[in-house]
PDB file of N, CA and C in Angstrom:
ATOM      1  N   MET A   1     -20.674 -28.035  15.863  1.00  0.00           N
ATOM      2  CA  MET A   1     -19.365 -27.847  14.791  1.00  0.00           C
ATOM      3  C   MET A   1     -20.533 -28.621  13.569  1.00  0.00           C
ATOM      4  N   LEU A   2     -20.148 -27.315  12.431  1.00  0.00           N
ATOM      5  CA  LEU A   2     -19.949 -27.386  10.951  1.00  0.00           C
ATOM      6  C   LEU A   2     -19.253 -27.851  10.607  1.00  0.00           C
ATOM      7  N   PHE A   3     -18.896 -28.357   9.747  1.00  0.00           N
ATOM      8  CA  PHE A   3     -17.893 -28.726   8.492  1.00  0.00           C
ATOM      9  C   PHE A   3     -18.209 -28.132   7.271  1.00  0.00           C
ATOM     10  N   ARG A   4     -17.008 -28.245   6.885  1.00  0.00           N
ATOM     11  CA  ARG A   4     -17.721 -27.422   4.996  1.00  0.00           C
ATOM     12  C   ARG A   4     -16.731 -28.311   4.336  1.00  0.00           C
ATOM     13  N   LYS A   5     -17.909 -28.271   3.023  1.00  0.00           N
ATOM     14  CA  LYS A   5     -17.071 -29.726   2.450  1.00  0.00           C
ATOM     15  C   LYS A   5     -16.038 -29.490   1.664  1.00  0.00           C
ATOM     16  N   SER A   6     -15.665 -30.377   0.746  1.00  0.00           N
ATOM     17  CA  SER A   6     -14.168 -30.322   0.181  1.00  0.00           C
ATOM     18  C   SER A   6     -14.317 -28.719  -0.664  1.00  0.00           C
ATOM     19  N   ASN A   7     -14.726 -28.719  -1.803  1.00  0.00           N
ATOM     20  CA  ASN A   7     -15.522 -27.500  -2.765  1.00  0.00           C
ATOM     21  C   ASN A   7     -15.752 -26.515  -2.019  1.00  0.00           C
ATOM     22  N   GLU A   8     -16.194 -25.761  -0.992  1.00  0.00           N
ATOM     23  CA  GLU A   8     -16.421 -24.763  -0.320  1.00  0.00           C
ATOM     24  C   GLU A   8     -15.260 -23.937   0.027  1.00  0.00           C
ATOM     25  N   LEU A   9     -15.481 -22.481  -0.525  1.00  0.00           N
ATOM     26  CA  LEU A   9     -13.595 -21.625   0.224  1.00  0.00           C
ATOM     27  C   LEU A   9     -14.862 -20.358   1.330  1.00  0.00           C
ATOM     28  N   THR A  10     -13.696 -19.883   2.287  1.00  0.00           N
ATOM     29  CA  THR A  10     -14.384 -18.943   2.361  1.00  0.00           C
ATOM     30  C   THR A  10     -14.259 -17.529   2.012  1.00  0.00           C
ATOM     31  N   MET A  11     -14.856 -16.445   3.109  1.00  0.00           N
ATOM     32  CA  MET A  11     -15.079 -15.533   1.950  1.00  0.00           C
ATOM     33  C   MET A  11     -14.076 -14.939   1.312  1.00  0.00           C
ATOM     34  N   LYS A  12     -13.241 -14.903   2.220  1.00  0.00           N
ATOM     35  CA  LYS A  12     -11.810 -13.997   2.102  1.00  0.00           C
ATOM     36  C   LYS A  12     -10.876 -15.084   0.945  1.00  0.00           C
ATOM     37  N   ALA A  13     -11.492 -16.218   0.513  1.00  0.00           N
ATOM     38  CA  ALA A  13     -11.013 -16.672  -0.513  1.00  0.00           C
ATOM     39  C   ALA A  13     -11.015 -16.809  -1.592  1.00  0.00           C
ATOM     40  N   ALA A  14     -12.405 -16.735  -1.646  1.00  0.00           N
ATOM     41  CA  ALA A  14     -13.087 -16.313  -2.862  1.00  0.00           C
ATOM     42  C   ALA A  14     -12.994 -15.222  -3.342  1.00  0.00           C
ATOM     43  N   ILE A  15     -12.799 -14.062  -2.498  1.00  0.00           N
ATOM     44  CA  ILE A  15     -12.872 -12.760  -2.963  1.00  0.00           C
ATOM     45  C   ILE A  15     -11.258 -12.236  -3.575  1.00  0.00           C
ATOM     46  N   GLU A  16     -10.085 -13.539  -2.987  1.00  0.00           N
ATOM     47  CA  GLU A  16      -9.041 -13.799  -3.500  1.00  0.00           C
ATOM     48  C   GLU A  16      -8.867 -14.142  -4.736  1.00  0.00           C
ATOM     49  N   GLN A  17      -9.635 -14.868  -5.067  1.00  0.00           N
ATOM     50  CA  GLN A  17      -9.160 -15.585  -6.056  1.00  0.00           C
ATOM     51  C   GLN A  17     -10.218 -15.121  -7.244  1.00  0.00           C
ATOM     52  N   LEU A  18     -11.123 -14.076  -6.973  1.00  0.00           N
ATOM     53  CA  LEU A  18     -11.751 -12.915  -8.197  1.00  0.00           C
ATOM     54  C   LEU A  18     -10.958 -11.901  -8.365  1.00  0.00           C
ATOM     55  N   LEU A  19      -9.969 -11.366  -7.258  1.00  0.00           N
ATOM     56  CA  LEU A  19      -9.531 -10.152  -7.507  1.00  0.00           C
ATOM     57  C   LEU A  19      -8.179 -10.588  -8.735  1.00  0.00           C
ATOM     58  N   ASP A  20      -7.467 -12.154  -8.262  1.00  0.00           N
ATOM     59  CA  ASP A  20      -6.894 -12.549  -8.967  1.00  0.00           C
ATOM     60  C   ASP A  20      -7.062 -13.277 -10.430  1.00  0.00           C
ATOM     61  N   ALA A  21      -8.294 -13.263 -10.848  1.00  0.00           N
ATOM     62  CA  ALA A  21      -8.882 -13.775 -12.199  1.00  0.00           C
ATOM     63  C   ALA A  21      -8.943 -12.604 -12.657  1.00  0.00           C
ATOM     64  N   TYR A  22      -8.989 -11.734 -12.275  1.00  0.00           N
ATOM     65  CA  TYR A  22      -9.647 -10.713 -13.449  1.00  0.00           C
ATOM     66  C   TYR A  22      -8.186  -9.189 -12.401  1.00  0.00           C
ATOM     67  N   LYS A  23      -7.604  -9.988 -12.440  1.00  0.00           N
ATOM     68  CA  LYS A  23      -5.254  -9.013 -12.225  1.00  0.00           C
ATOM     69  C   LYS A  23      -6.042  -7.930 -11.185  1.00  0.00           C
ATOM     70  N   LEU A  24      -6.848  -7.630 -10.289  1.00  0.00           N
ATOM     71  CA  LEU A  24      -6.867  -7.069  -9.846  1.00  0.00           C
ATOM     72  C   LEU A  24      -6.805  -6.669  -8.306  1.00  0.00           C
ATOM     73  N   SER A  25      -5.587  -7.192  -8.095  1.00  0.00           N
ATOM     74  CA  SER A  25      -5.084  -7.817  -6.559  1.00  0.00           C
ATOM     75  C   SER A  25      -4.632  -6.740  -6.014  1.00  0.00           C
ATOM     76  N   ASP A  26      -3.441  -5.646  -7.439  1.00  0.00           N
ATOM     77  CA  ASP A  26      -2.160  -5.319  -6.777  1.00  0.00           C
ATOM     78  C   ASP A  26      -3.588  -3.696  -6.817  1.00  0.00           C
ATOM     79  N   GLN A  27      -4.451  -3.431  -7.699  1.00  0.00           N
ATOM     80  CA  GLN A  27      -5.051  -2.147  -7.716  1.00  0.00           C
ATOM     81  C   GLN A  27      -5.486  -2.962  -6.163  1.00  0.00           C
ATOM     82  N   PHE A  28      -6.015  -3.329  -5.583  1.00  0.00           N
ATOM     83  CA  PHE A  28      -6.513  -3.871  -4.827  1.00  0.00           C
ATOM     84  C   PHE A  28      -5.918  -3.042  -3.300  1.00  0.00           C
ATOM     85  N   ILE A  29      -4.521  -3.543  -3.188  1.00  0.00           N
ATOM     86  CA  ILE A  29      -3.739  -3.493  -2.099  1.00  0.00           C
ATOM     87  C   ILE A  29      -3.333  -2.119  -2.164  1.00  0.00           C
ATOM     88  N   ILE A  30      -3.001  -0.827  -3.472  1.00  0.00           N
ATOM     89  CA  ILE A  30      -2.975  -0.016  -3.936  1.00  0.00           C
ATOM     90  C   ILE A  30      -3.521   1.128  -2.586  1.00  0.00           C
ATOM     91  N   GLU A  31      -4.837   0.682  -2.607  1.00  0.00           N
ATOM     92  CA  GLU A  31      -5.901   1.807  -2.526  1.00  0.00           C
ATOM     93  C   GLU A  31      -6.126   1.232  -1.716  1.00  0.00           C
ATOM     94  N   LYS A  32      -5.806   0.242  -0.951  1.00  0.00           N
ATOM     95  CA  LYS A  32      -6.018  -0.145   0.945  1.00  0.00           C
ATOM     96  C   LYS A  32      -5.125   0.747   1.487  1.00  0.00           C
ATOM     97  N   ILE A  33      -3.250   0.667   0.748  1.00  0.00           N
ATOM     98  CA  ILE A  33      -2.766   1.640   1.318  1.00  0.00           C
ATOM     99  C   ILE A  33      -2.707   3.103   1.069  1.00  0.00           C
ATOM    100  N   LYS A  34      -3.271   3.880   0.368  1.00  0.00           N
ATOM    101  CA  LYS A  34      -3.958   4.755   0.294  1.00  0.00           C
ATOM    102  C   LYS A  34      -5.049   5.417   1.086  1.00  0.00           C
ATOM    103  N   LEU A  35      -5.844   4.768   1.227  1.00  0.00           N
ATOM    104  CA  LEU A  35      -6.751   4.440   2.770  1.00  0.00           C
ATOM    105  C   LEU A  35      -6.075   4.485   4.319  1.00  0.00           C
ATOM    106  N   ASN A  36      -5.254   3.561   4.190  1.00  0.00           N
ATOM    107  CA  ASN A  36      -4.388   3.086   5.397  1.00  0.00           C
ATOM    108  C   ASN A  36      -3.158   4.185   5.883  1.00  0.00           C
ATOM    109  N   TRP A  37      -3.337   5.368   4.344  1.00  0.00           N
ATOM    110  CA  TRP A  37      -1.302   6.389   4.473  1.00  0.00           C
ATOM    111  C   TRP A  37      -1.744   6.608   6.342  1.00  0.00           C
ATOM    112  N   PRO A  38      -2.125   6.893   6.714  1.00  0.00           N
ATOM    113  CA  PRO A  38      -2.126   8.106   8.080  1.00  0.00           C
ATOM    114  C   PRO A  38      -1.574   6.453   8.979  1.00  0.00           C
ATOM    115  N   GLU A  39      -1.980   5.357   9.445  1.00  0.00           N
ATOM    116  CA  GLU A  39      -1.739   4.618  10.092  1.00  0.00           C
ATOM    117  C   GLU A  39      -0.212   3.567   9.681  1.00  0.00           C
ATOM    118  N   LEU A  40       0.230   4.208   8.503  1.00  0.00           N
ATOM    119  CA  LEU A  40       1.658   4.048   7.844  1.00  0.00           C
ATOM    120  C   LEU A  40       2.266   4.802   8.053  1.00  0.00           C
ATOM    121  N   VAL A  41       2.781   6.310   8.080  1.00  0.00           N
ATOM    122  CA  VAL A  41       3.162   6.662   8.609  1.00  0.00           C
ATOM    123  C   VAL A  41       3.370   7.393   9.664  1.00  0.00           C
ATOM    124  N   GLY A  42       2.122   7.787  10.083  1.00  0.00           N
ATOM    125  CA  GLY A  42       1.941   8.529  10.971  1.00  0.00           C
ATOM    126  C   GLY A  42       0.676  10.025  10.537  1.00  0.00           C
ATOM    127  N   LYS A  43       0.290  10.320  11.731  1.00  0.00           N
ATOM    128  CA  LYS A  43      -0.981  11.379  11.120  1.00  0.00           C
ATOM    129  C   LYS A  43      -0.004  13.028  10.720  1.00  0.00           C
ATOM    130  N   VAL A  44       1.043  12.951  11.451  1.00  0.00           N
ATOM    131  CA  VAL A  44       1.805  14.257  10.923  1.00  0.00           C
ATOM    132  C   VAL A  44       2.005  14.136   9.083  1.00  0.00           C
ATOM    133  N   ILE A  45       2.770  13.394   8.774  1.00  0.00           N
ATOM    134  CA  ILE A  45       3.125  13.356   7.622  1.00  0.00           C
ATOM    135  C   ILE A  45       2.324  12.810   6.640  1.00  0.00           C
ATOM    136  N   ALA A  46       0.939  12.195   7.085  1.00  0.00           N
ATOM    137  CA  ALA A  46      -0.300  11.649   6.104  1.00  0.00           C
ATOM    138  C   ALA A  46      -1.320  13.283   5.779  1.00  0.00           C
ATOM    139  N   ASN A  47      -1.192  14.522   7.182  1.00  0.00           N
ATOM    140  CA  ASN A  47      -1.446  15.402   7.131  1.00  0.00           C
ATOM    141  C   ASN A  47      -1.155  16.410   6.164  1.00  0.00           C
ATOM    142  N   ARG A  48       0.152  15.894   5.850  1.00  0.00           N
ATOM    143  CA  ARG A  48       0.835  16.912   5.089  1.00  0.00           C
ATOM    144  C   ARG A  48       1.647  16.567   3.281  1.00  0.00           C
ATOM    145  N   THR A  49       0.879  15.403   3.393  1.00  0.00           N
ATOM    146  CA  THR A  49       0.901  14.754   2.090  1.00  0.00           C
ATOM    147  C   THR A  49      -0.212  14.982   0.881  1.00  0.00           C
ATOM    148  N   ASP A  50      -0.008  15.337  -0.154  1.00  0.00           N
ATOM    149  CA  ASP A  50      -1.088  15.784  -1.269  1.00  0.00           C
ATOM    150  C   ASP A  50      -1.826  15.053  -1.359  1.00  0.00           C
ATOM    151  N   GLU A  51      -0.844  14.043  -2.341  1.00  0.00           N
ATOM    152  CA  GLU A  51      -0.964  13.169  -3.315  1.00  0.00           C
ATOM    153  C   GLU A  51      -0.169  11.998  -2.906  1.00  0.00           C
ATOM    154  N   ILE A  52      -0.892  10.406  -3.530  1.00  0.00           N
ATOM    155  CA  ILE A  52      -0.323   9.273  -3.308  1.00  0.00           C
ATOM    156  C   ILE A  52      -0.561   8.378  -4.610  1.00  0.00           C
ATOM    157  N   ASN A  53       0.098   8.173  -5.247  1.00  0.00           N
ATOM    158  CA  ASN A  53       0.674   7.681  -6.610  1.00  0.00           C
ATOM    159  C   ASN A  53       1.418   5.899  -6.741  1.00  0.00           C
ATOM    160  N   ILE A  54       0.709   5.166  -6.583  1.00  0.00           N
ATOM    161  CA  ILE A  54       1.859   4.019  -6.738  1.00  0.00           C
ATOM    162  C   ILE A  54       1.711   3.340  -8.873  1.00  0.00           C
ATOM    163  N   ARG A  55       2.788   3.596  -9.160  1.00  0.00           N
ATOM    164  CA  ARG A  55       2.984   2.927 -10.481  1.00  0.00           C
ATOM    165  C   ARG A  55       4.498   2.313 -10.804  1.00  0.00           C
ATOM    166  N   GLN A  56       4.323   0.899 -11.778  1.00  0.00           N
ATOM    167  CA  GLN A  56       5.160   0.206 -12.031  1.00  0.00           C
ATOM    168  C   GLN A  56       6.593   0.256 -11.053  1.00  0.00           C
ATOM    169  N   GLN A  57       6.587  -0.104 -10.041  1.00  0.00           N
ATOM    170  CA  GLN A  57       6.585  -0.059  -8.359  1.00  0.00           C
ATOM    171  C   GLN A  57       8.022   0.909  -8.091  1.00  0.00           C
ATOM    172  N   LYS A  58       7.112   1.970  -7.981  1.00  0.00           N
ATOM    173  CA  LYS A  58       7.278   3.466  -7.723  1.00  0.00           C
ATOM    174  C   LYS A  58       6.105   3.782  -6.934  1.00  0.00           C
ATOM    175  N   LEU A  59       6.337   4.462  -5.796  1.00  0.00           N
ATOM    176  CA  LEU A  59       6.014   5.359  -4.677  1.00  0.00           C
ATOM    177  C   LEU A  59       5.492   6.729  -4.651  1.00  0.00           C
ATOM    178  N   TYR A  60       5.141   7.786  -5.843  1.00  0.00           N
ATOM    179  CA  TYR A  60       5.341   9.008  -6.225  1.00  0.00           C
ATOM    180  C   TYR A  60       4.402   9.506  -4.107  1.00  0.00           C
ATOM    181  N   LEU A  61       4.666  10.138  -4.358  1.00  0.00           N
ATOM    182  CA  LEU A  61       4.178  11.342  -3.220  1.00  0.00           C
ATOM    183  C   LEU A  61       4.588  12.930  -3.730  1.00  0.00           C
ATOM    184  N   LYS A  62       3.526  13.712  -3.215  1.00  0.00           N
ATOM    185  CA  LYS A  62       3.278  14.958  -3.352  1.00  0.00           C
ATOM    186  C   LYS A  62       2.841  15.662  -1.893  1.00  0.00           C
ATOM    187  N   VAL A  63       4.031  16.443  -1.548  1.00  0.00           N
ATOM    188  CA  VAL A  63       4.259  16.863  -0.397  1.00  0.00           C
ATOM    189  C   VAL A  63       4.312  18.113  -0.366  1.00  0.00           C
ATOM    190  N   SER A  64       3.609  19.480   0.939  1.00  0.00           N
ATOM    191  CA  SER A  64       3.492  20.474   0.993  1.00  0.00           C
ATOM    192  C   SER A  64       4.215  20.934   1.844  1.00  0.00           C
ATOM    193  N   SER A  65       5.515  20.592   2.267  1.00  0.00           N
ATOM    194  CA  SER A  65       6.008  20.751   3.087  1.00  0.00           C
ATOM    195  C   SER A  65       7.481  20.728   3.100  1.00  0.00           C
ATOM    196  N   ALA A  66       8.573  21.443   2.148  1.00  0.00           N
ATOM    197  CA  ALA A  66       9.897  21.291   2.117  1.00  0.00           C
ATOM    198  C   ALA A  66      10.796  20.270   3.631  1.00  0.00           C
ATOM    199  N   SER A  67      10.508  20.755   4.514  1.00  0.00           N
ATOM    200  CA  SER A  67      11.344  19.512   5.510  1.00  0.00           C
ATOM    201  C   SER A  67      10.868  18.385   5.706  1.00  0.00           C
ATOM    202  N   LEU A  68       9.286  18.638   5.228  1.00  0.00           N
ATOM    203  CA  LEU A  68       8.637  17.040   5.046  1.00  0.00           C
ATOM    204  C   LEU A  68       9.591  16.348   4.374  1.00  0.00           C
ATOM    205  N   ARG A  69       9.735  16.759   3.032  1.00  0.00           N
ATOM    206  CA  ARG A  69      10.263  16.481   2.135  1.00  0.00           C
ATOM    207  C   ARG A  69      11.759  15.947   2.592  1.00  0.00           C
ATOM    208  N   GLN A  70      12.700  16.663   2.958  1.00  0.00           N
ATOM    209  CA  GLN A  70      13.750  16.215   2.935  1.00  0.00           C
ATOM    210  C   GLN A  70      13.640  15.263   4.628  1.00  0.00           C
ATOM    211  N   GLU A  71      12.710  15.258   5.293  1.00  0.00           N
ATOM    212  CA  GLU A  71      12.376  14.383   6.244  1.00  0.00           C
ATOM    213  C   GLU A  71      11.961  12.834   5.313  1.00  0.00           C
ATOM    214  N   LEU A  72      11.413  13.076   4.506  1.00  0.00           N
ATOM    215  CA  LEU A  72      11.290  11.607   3.847  1.00  0.00           C
ATOM    216  C   LEU A  72      12.033  11.058   2.940  1.00  0.00           C
ATOM    217  N   ILE A  73      12.968  11.635   2.371  1.00  0.00           N
ATOM    218  CA  ILE A  73      14.021  11.169   1.877  1.00  0.00           C
ATOM    219  C   ILE A  73      15.121  10.925   2.644  1.00  0.00           C
ATOM    220  N   MET A  74      15.524  11.140   4.238  1.00  0.00           N
ATOM    221  CA  MET A  74      15.888  10.329   4.506  1.00  0.00           C
ATOM    222  C   MET A  74      15.875   8.829   4.608  1.00  0.00           C
ATOM    223  N   MET A  75      14.137   8.986   5.327  1.00  0.00           N
ATOM    224  CA  MET A  75      13.790   7.596   5.809  1.00  0.00           C
ATOM    225  C   MET A  75      13.052   6.575   4.646  1.00  0.00           C
ATOM    226  N   LYS A  76      13.899   6.929   3.483  1.00  0.00           N
ATOM    227  CA  LYS A  76      12.862   6.438   1.825  1.00  0.00           C
ATOM    228  C   LYS A  76      13.297   4.794   2.320  1.00  0.00           C
ATOM    229  N   SER A  77      14.332   3.917   2.243  1.00  0.00           N
ATOM    230  CA  SER A  77      14.271   2.994   2.591  1.00  0.00           C
ATOM    231  C   SER A  77      12.884   2.105   3.805  1.00  0.00           C
ATOM    232  N   THR A  78      13.311   2.808   5.011  1.00  0.00           N
ATOM    233  CA  THR A  78      12.123   2.342   5.864  1.00  0.00           C
ATOM    234  C   THR A  78      10.632   2.314   5.251  1.00  0.00           C
ATOM    235  N   LEU A  79      10.543   3.791   5.040  1.00  0.00           N
ATOM    236  CA  LEU A  79       9.293   3.502   4.264  1.00  0.00           C
ATOM    237  C   LEU A  79       8.845   2.485   3.283  1.00  0.00           C
ATOM    238  N   ILE A  80       9.941   2.546   2.430  1.00  0.00           N
ATOM    239  CA  ILE A  80       9.639   0.941   1.757  1.00  0.00           C
ATOM    240  C   ILE A  80       9.396  -0.052   2.040  1.00  0.00           C
ATOM    241  N   GLU A  81       9.883  -0.702   2.576  1.00  0.00           N
ATOM    242  CA  GLU A  81       9.901  -1.850   3.967  1.00  0.00           C
ATOM    243  C   GLU A  81       8.786  -1.440   4.169  1.00  0.00           C
ATOM    244  N   ASN A  82       8.675  -0.612   4.946  1.00  0.00           N
ATOM    245  CA  ASN A  82       6.989  -1.144   5.698  1.00  0.00           C
ATOM    246  C   ASN A  82       5.004  -0.915   5.001  1.00  0.00           C
ATOM    247  N   VAL A  83       5.897  -0.147   3.540  1.00  0.00           N
ATOM    248  CA  VAL A  83       4.733  -0.093   2.321  1.00  0.00           C
ATOM    249  C   VAL A  83       4.559  -1.837   2.544  1.00  0.00           C
ATOM    250  N   ASN A  84       5.786  -2.405   1.884  1.00  0.00           N
ATOM    251  CA  ASN A  84       6.199  -3.277   1.249  1.00  0.00           C
ATOM    252  C   ASN A  84       5.534  -4.404   2.538  1.00  0.00           C
ATOM    253  N   THR A  85       5.989  -4.120   3.734  1.00  0.00           N
ATOM    254  CA  THR A  85       5.770  -5.137   4.655  1.00  0.00           C
ATOM    255  C   THR A  85       3.532  -5.106   4.742  1.00  0.00           C
ATOM    256  N   TYR A  86       3.181  -4.153   4.887  1.00  0.00           N
ATOM    257  CA  TYR A  86       2.081  -4.114   4.964  1.00  0.00           C
ATOM    258  C   TYR A  86       1.117  -4.326   3.806  1.00  0.00           C
ATOM    259  N   ALA A  87       1.828  -4.738   2.638  1.00  0.00           N
ATOM    260  CA  ALA A  87       1.197  -4.875   1.237  1.00  0.00           C
ATOM    261  C   ALA A  87       0.947  -6.747   1.025  1.00  0.00           C
ATOM    262  N   GLY A  88       2.294  -7.027   2.203  1.00  0.00           N
ATOM    263  CA  GLY A  88       2.236  -8.246   2.060  1.00  0.00           C
ATOM    264  C   GLY A  88       3.473  -8.824   0.774  1.00  0.00           C
ATOM    265  N   LYS A  89       3.671  -8.076   0.092  1.00  0.00           N
ATOM    266  CA  LYS A  89       4.718  -8.899  -0.860  1.00  0.00           C
ATOM    267  C   LYS A  89       5.129  -7.325  -1.741  1.00  0.00           C
ATOM    268  N   LYS A  90       6.410  -7.527  -2.589  1.00  0.00           N
ATOM    269  CA  LYS A  90       7.458  -6.521  -3.070  1.00  0.00           C
ATOM    270  C   LYS A  90       6.691  -5.586  -3.673  1.00  0.00           C
ATOM    271  N   LEU A  91       5.755  -4.750  -2.963  1.00  0.00           N
ATOM    272  CA  LEU A  91       5.068  -3.405  -4.464  1.00  0.00           C
ATOM    273  C   LEU A  91       5.794  -2.348  -4.747  1.00  0.00           C
ATOM    274  N   ILE A  92       6.886  -1.687  -3.884  1.00  0.00           N
ATOM    275  CA  ILE A  92       7.234  -0.599  -4.842  1.00  0.00           C
ATOM    276  C   ILE A  92       8.635  -0.770  -4.419  1.00  0.00           C
ATOM    277  N   ASN A  93       9.999  -0.191  -5.180  1.00  0.00           N
ATOM    278  CA  ASN A  93      11.389  -0.748  -4.620  1.00  0.00           C
ATOM    279  C   ASN A  93      12.139   0.791  -5.074  1.00  0.00           C
ATOM    280  N   GLU A  94      11.034   2.047  -5.013  1.00  0.00           N
ATOM    281  CA  GLU A  94      11.557   3.124  -5.380  1.00  0.00           C
ATOM    282  C   GLU A  94      10.462   4.174  -4.746  1.00  0.00           C
ATOM    283  N   ILE A  95      11.319   5.460  -4.326  1.00  0.00           N
ATOM    284  CA  ILE A  95      10.170   6.116  -3.638  1.00  0.00           C
ATOM    285  C   ILE A  95      10.537   8.078  -4.319  1.00  0.00           C
ATOM    286  N   VAL A  96       8.858   8.403  -5.200  1.00  0.00           N
ATOM    287  CA  VAL A  96       9.436   9.572  -5.731  1.00  0.00           C
ATOM    288  C   VAL A  96       9.266  10.857  -5.313  1.00  0.00           C
ATOM    289  N   LEU A  97       9.687  11.788  -5.515  1.00  0.00           N
ATOM    290  CA  LEU A  97       8.906  13.109  -3.678  1.00  0.00           C
ATOM    291  C   LEU A  97       9.165  14.297  -5.476  1.00  0.00           C
ATOM    292  N   LEU A  98       7.640  14.686  -5.142  1.00  0.00           N
ATOM    293  CA  LEU A  98       7.527  16.047  -6.134  1.00  0.00           C
ATOM    294  C   LEU A  98       7.042  16.843  -5.531  1.00  0.00           C
TER     295      LEU A  98
END
């Protein structure tokens, strides 16, 4: 069994420290959300989502279907909760549909 010295970090911890030092952790999480959007909302919604952007704690979604827009309006709170859970912190508090 190998033991770590007290000043050694795991790769995950080192990357997290690097992202925090350069204030890139939120941007990293945003890109991760964009990349995994189909897993968060399902393939049907993801296929009709044209654009995803997060700025100032608002999730901006551009969708190509009016019926999908209505469905997303009804499930805003669930979607906000799912995204924040996936991010591991309160990243968004509002959804804007374009």
